[in-house]
Amino acid sequence: MIDSGASKHLTRDLRLLKNTEAIRPIIIDLPNGKQTVAIKQDLVALGSLGLSDVLYVPKLSCNLISVARVSKQLNCIVTFFDHVCVL
């Protein structure tokens, strides 16, 4: 899911992370008001795109791509249409 409110890229799928490194736990605020913890991070490849510093958060219900972070990392503009997001 592409999220304009997320400040970090987050994944719940450890298989996406190739060379995972353990990190100090980072508290993640969830939309339902609860909190969970990120415990690892790594680079994730999405086709030809590489997203760095993706946090592994086992209790997420989906994977999130941060609009702010992806536009900065890839030096691109993110544009949303009805059914499409263009980087």
N, C-alpha and C. Protein backbone atom coordinates (compact mmCIF):
# COMPACT_ATOMS: atom_id res chain seq x y z
N MET A 1 0.85 -1.16 0.00
CA MET A 1 0.00 0.00 0.00
C MET A 1 0.90 1.23 0.00
N ILE A 2 0.56 2.22 -0.81
CA ILE A 2 1.30 3.47 -0.85
C ILE A 2 0.60 4.43 0.09
N ASP A 3 1.34 4.97 1.06
CA ASP A 3 0.75 5.74 2.15
C ASP A 3 1.38 7.12 2.22
N SER A 4 0.57 8.16 2.02
CA SER A 4 1.08 9.53 2.08
C SER A 4 1.29 9.99 3.52
N GLY A 5 0.78 9.24 4.49
CA GLY A 5 0.95 9.62 5.89
C GLY A 5 2.07 8.87 6.59
N ALA A 6 2.64 7.86 5.95
CA ALA A 6 3.71 7.08 6.57
C ALA A 6 5.04 7.81 6.44
N SER A 7 5.83 7.78 7.51
CA SER A 7 7.14 8.43 7.47
C SER A 7 8.25 7.44 7.14
N LYS A 8 7.96 6.15 7.19
CA LYS A 8 8.93 5.09 6.90
C LYS A 8 8.27 4.04 6.02
N HIS A 9 9.10 3.29 5.29
CA HIS A 9 8.61 2.10 4.58
C HIS A 9 8.51 0.99 5.62
N LEU A 10 7.42 0.22 5.58
CA LEU A 10 7.19 -0.84 6.56
C LEU A 10 6.77 -2.12 5.85
N THR A 11 7.25 -3.25 6.35
CA THR A 11 6.79 -4.53 5.81
C THR A 11 6.50 -5.49 6.95
N ARG A 12 5.58 -6.39 6.69
CA ARG A 12 5.28 -7.47 7.64
C ARG A 12 5.84 -8.78 7.14
N ASP A 13 6.41 -8.75 5.92
CA ASP A 13 6.87 -9.96 5.26
C ASP A 13 8.40 -10.05 5.31
N LEU A 14 8.92 -10.86 6.20
CA LEU A 14 10.36 -11.00 6.39
C LEU A 14 11.03 -11.55 5.13
N ARG A 15 10.29 -12.27 4.30
CA ARG A 15 10.87 -12.83 3.07
C ARG A 15 11.28 -11.75 2.07
N LEU A 16 10.73 -10.54 2.18
CA LEU A 16 11.10 -9.45 1.28
C LEU A 16 12.49 -8.87 1.60
N LEU A 17 12.93 -9.09 2.83
CA LEU A 17 14.20 -8.54 3.28
C LEU A 17 15.30 -9.56 3.04
N LYS A 18 16.38 -9.13 2.39
CA LYS A 18 17.43 -10.06 1.98
C LYS A 18 18.57 -10.17 2.99
N ASN A 19 19.07 -9.07 3.48
CA ASN A 19 20.21 -9.05 4.41
C ASN A 19 19.82 -8.31 5.67
N THR A 20 18.84 -8.82 6.34
CA THR A 20 18.22 -8.15 7.47
C THR A 20 19.22 -7.87 8.59
N GLU A 21 19.13 -6.66 9.12
CA GLU A 21 19.94 -6.32 10.29
C GLU A 21 19.01 -5.98 11.45
N ALA A 22 19.38 -6.47 12.63
CA ALA A 22 18.61 -6.16 13.83
C ALA A 22 18.83 -4.69 14.18
N ILE A 23 17.79 -4.04 14.68
CA ILE A 23 17.87 -2.64 15.09
C ILE A 23 17.31 -2.50 16.50
N ARG A 24 17.62 -1.39 17.13
CA ARG A 24 16.94 -1.10 18.40
C ARG A 24 15.46 -0.99 18.09
N PRO A 25 14.61 -1.54 18.93
CA PRO A 25 13.17 -1.48 18.65
C PRO A 25 12.68 -0.04 18.46
N ILE A 26 11.89 0.15 17.41
CA ILE A 26 11.29 1.45 17.10
C ILE A 26 9.78 1.31 17.26
N ILE A 27 9.18 2.17 18.05
CA ILE A 27 7.73 2.12 18.26
C ILE A 27 7.04 2.70 17.03
N ILE A 28 6.05 1.96 16.53
CA ILE A 28 5.27 2.34 15.36
C ILE A 28 3.83 2.57 15.80
N ASP A 29 3.30 3.76 15.52
CA ASP A 29 1.90 4.06 15.81
C ASP A 29 1.03 3.54 14.68
N LEU A 30 0.00 2.78 15.02
CA LEU A 30 -0.92 2.21 14.03
C LEU A 30 -2.15 3.09 13.88
N PRO A 31 -2.85 3.00 12.75
CA PRO A 31 -4.04 3.83 12.52
C PRO A 31 -5.16 3.61 13.54
N ASN A 32 -5.19 2.43 14.16
CA ASN A 32 -6.25 2.15 15.13
C ASN A 32 -5.93 2.68 16.52
N GLY A 33 -4.83 3.44 16.65
CA GLY A 33 -4.45 4.03 17.94
C GLY A 33 -3.52 3.15 18.76
N LYS A 34 -3.33 1.92 18.35
CA LYS A 34 -2.42 1.03 19.06
C LYS A 34 -0.99 1.24 18.57
N GLN A 35 -0.07 0.59 19.25
CA GLN A 35 1.33 0.67 18.87
C GLN A 35 1.91 -0.73 18.70
N THR A 36 2.94 -0.83 17.88
CA THR A 36 3.68 -2.06 17.71
C THR A 36 5.15 -1.68 17.57
N VAL A 37 6.00 -2.66 17.31
CA VAL A 37 7.44 -2.39 17.30
C VAL A 37 8.09 -2.92 16.03
N ALA A 38 8.98 -2.11 15.43
CA ALA A 38 9.84 -2.56 14.34
C ALA A 38 11.11 -3.10 14.98
N ILE A 39 11.57 -4.27 14.50
CA ILE A 39 12.72 -4.91 15.13
C ILE A 39 13.89 -5.19 14.19
N LYS A 40 13.67 -5.00 12.88
CA LYS A 40 14.72 -5.24 11.89
C LYS A 40 14.53 -4.26 10.75
N GLN A 41 15.57 -4.11 9.92
CA GLN A 41 15.44 -3.30 8.71
C GLN A 41 16.35 -3.84 7.62
N ASP A 42 16.05 -3.43 6.39
CA ASP A 42 16.85 -3.88 5.26
C ASP A 42 16.40 -3.15 4.01
N LEU A 43 17.04 -3.48 2.89
CA LEU A 43 16.68 -3.00 1.57
C LEU A 43 15.66 -3.98 0.98
N VAL A 44 14.65 -3.44 0.30
CA VAL A 44 13.66 -4.28 -0.39
C VAL A 44 13.67 -3.90 -1.86
N ALA A 45 13.74 -4.88 -2.73
CA ALA A 45 13.68 -4.65 -4.17
C ALA A 45 12.26 -4.88 -4.66
N LEU A 46 11.71 -3.88 -5.33
CA LEU A 46 10.39 -3.99 -5.95
C LEU A 46 10.60 -3.85 -7.45
N GLY A 47 10.81 -4.96 -8.11
CA GLY A 47 11.16 -4.91 -9.53
C GLY A 47 12.51 -4.24 -9.66
N SER A 48 12.58 -3.15 -10.41
CA SER A 48 13.85 -2.43 -10.58
C SER A 48 14.06 -1.35 -9.51
N LEU A 49 13.09 -1.17 -8.64
CA LEU A 49 13.20 -0.17 -7.58
C LEU A 49 13.79 -0.79 -6.32
N GLY A 50 14.70 -0.07 -5.69
CA GLY A 50 15.24 -0.50 -4.41
C GLY A 50 14.84 0.48 -3.32
N LEU A 51 14.15 0.00 -2.32
CA LEU A 51 13.74 0.86 -1.20
C LEU A 51 14.63 0.54 -0.01
N SER A 52 15.34 1.55 0.49
CA SER A 52 16.26 1.32 1.60
C SER A 52 15.59 1.60 2.94
N ASP A 53 16.19 1.07 3.98
CA ASP A 53 15.73 1.28 5.36
C ASP A 53 14.27 0.90 5.57
N VAL A 54 13.87 -0.22 4.99
CA VAL A 54 12.51 -0.72 5.19
C VAL A 54 12.46 -1.42 6.54
N LEU A 55 11.53 -1.02 7.38
CA LEU A 55 11.41 -1.59 8.72
C LEU A 55 10.53 -2.84 8.70
N TYR A 56 10.97 -3.86 9.41
CA TYR A 56 10.19 -5.09 9.57
C TYR A 56 9.34 -4.96 10.82
N VAL A 57 8.02 -5.00 10.61
CA VAL A 57 7.04 -4.86 11.69
C VAL A 57 6.08 -6.05 11.59
N PRO A 58 6.36 -7.13 12.35
CA PRO A 58 5.58 -8.37 12.20
C PRO A 58 4.08 -8.23 12.39
N LYS A 59 3.63 -7.27 13.18
CA LYS A 59 2.20 -7.18 13.49
C LYS A 59 1.42 -6.26 12.56
N LEU A 60 2.02 -5.83 11.46
CA LEU A 60 1.30 -5.02 10.47
C LEU A 60 0.29 -5.88 9.73
N SER A 61 -0.76 -5.26 9.22
CA SER A 61 -1.73 -6.01 8.42
C SER A 61 -1.42 -5.91 6.92
N CYS A 62 -0.49 -5.02 6.53
CA CYS A 62 -0.10 -4.88 5.13
C CYS A 62 1.28 -4.24 5.06
N ASN A 63 1.86 -4.19 3.88
CA ASN A 63 3.13 -3.51 3.66
C ASN A 63 2.85 -2.06 3.26
N LEU A 64 3.68 -1.13 3.71
CA LEU A 64 3.48 0.28 3.41
C LEU A 64 4.70 0.87 2.73
N ILE A 65 4.47 1.65 1.69
CA ILE A 65 5.51 2.44 1.05
C ILE A 65 5.21 3.90 1.39
N SER A 66 6.16 4.58 1.98
CA SER A 66 6.01 5.98 2.34
C SER A 66 6.19 6.86 1.11
N VAL A 67 5.20 7.68 0.78
CA VAL A 67 5.29 8.59 -0.37
C VAL A 67 6.45 9.55 -0.19
N ALA A 68 6.57 10.15 0.99
CA ALA A 68 7.65 11.12 1.24
C ALA A 68 9.02 10.47 1.08
N ARG A 69 9.18 9.29 1.63
CA ARG A 69 10.48 8.61 1.59
C ARG A 69 10.81 8.11 0.19
N VAL A 70 9.83 7.54 -0.53
CA VAL A 70 10.11 7.03 -1.87
C VAL A 70 10.45 8.17 -2.83
N SER A 71 9.77 9.30 -2.70
CA SER A 71 10.07 10.43 -3.59
C SER A 71 11.47 10.98 -3.32
N LYS A 72 11.89 10.97 -2.06
CA LYS A 72 13.24 11.43 -1.72
C LYS A 72 14.30 10.41 -2.16
N GLN A 73 14.07 9.13 -1.87
CA GLN A 73 15.05 8.08 -2.21
C GLN A 73 15.24 7.94 -3.71
N LEU A 74 14.16 8.05 -4.46
CA LEU A 74 14.23 7.85 -5.91
C LEU A 74 14.32 9.16 -6.67
N ASN A 75 14.29 10.29 -5.94
CA ASN A 75 14.33 11.62 -6.55
C ASN A 75 13.27 11.73 -7.64
N CYS A 76 12.02 11.46 -7.23
CA CYS A 76 10.93 11.45 -8.20
C CYS A 76 9.71 12.18 -7.64
N ILE A 77 8.74 12.36 -8.49
CA ILE A 77 7.45 12.93 -8.12
C ILE A 77 6.45 11.79 -8.08
N VAL A 78 5.57 11.81 -7.09
CA VAL A 78 4.53 10.79 -6.97
C VAL A 78 3.19 11.46 -7.30
N THR A 79 2.49 10.90 -8.29
CA THR A 79 1.21 11.45 -8.71
C THR A 79 0.14 10.37 -8.60
N PHE A 80 -0.98 10.72 -7.97
CA PHE A 80 -2.09 9.80 -7.80
C PHE A 80 -3.22 10.14 -8.76
N PHE A 81 -3.77 9.11 -9.40
CA PHE A 81 -4.97 9.23 -10.22
C PHE A 81 -6.01 8.31 -9.61
N ASP A 82 -7.18 8.19 -10.24
CA ASP A 82 -8.26 7.36 -9.70
C ASP A 82 -7.81 5.94 -9.34
N HIS A 83 -7.15 5.26 -10.26
CA HIS A 83 -6.78 3.87 -10.04
C HIS A 83 -5.30 3.60 -10.26
N VAL A 84 -4.50 4.65 -10.31
CA VAL A 84 -3.08 4.49 -10.63
C VAL A 84 -2.25 5.46 -9.80
N CYS A 85 -1.07 5.00 -9.44
CA CYS A 85 -0.07 5.86 -8.79
C CYS A 85 1.17 5.82 -9.67
N VAL A 86 1.66 6.98 -10.08
CA VAL A 86 2.81 7.05 -10.97
C VAL A 86 3.99 7.66 -10.23
N LEU A 87 5.14 6.97 -10.31
CA LEU A 87 6.37 7.50 -9.71
C LEU A 87 7.22 8.09 -10.82
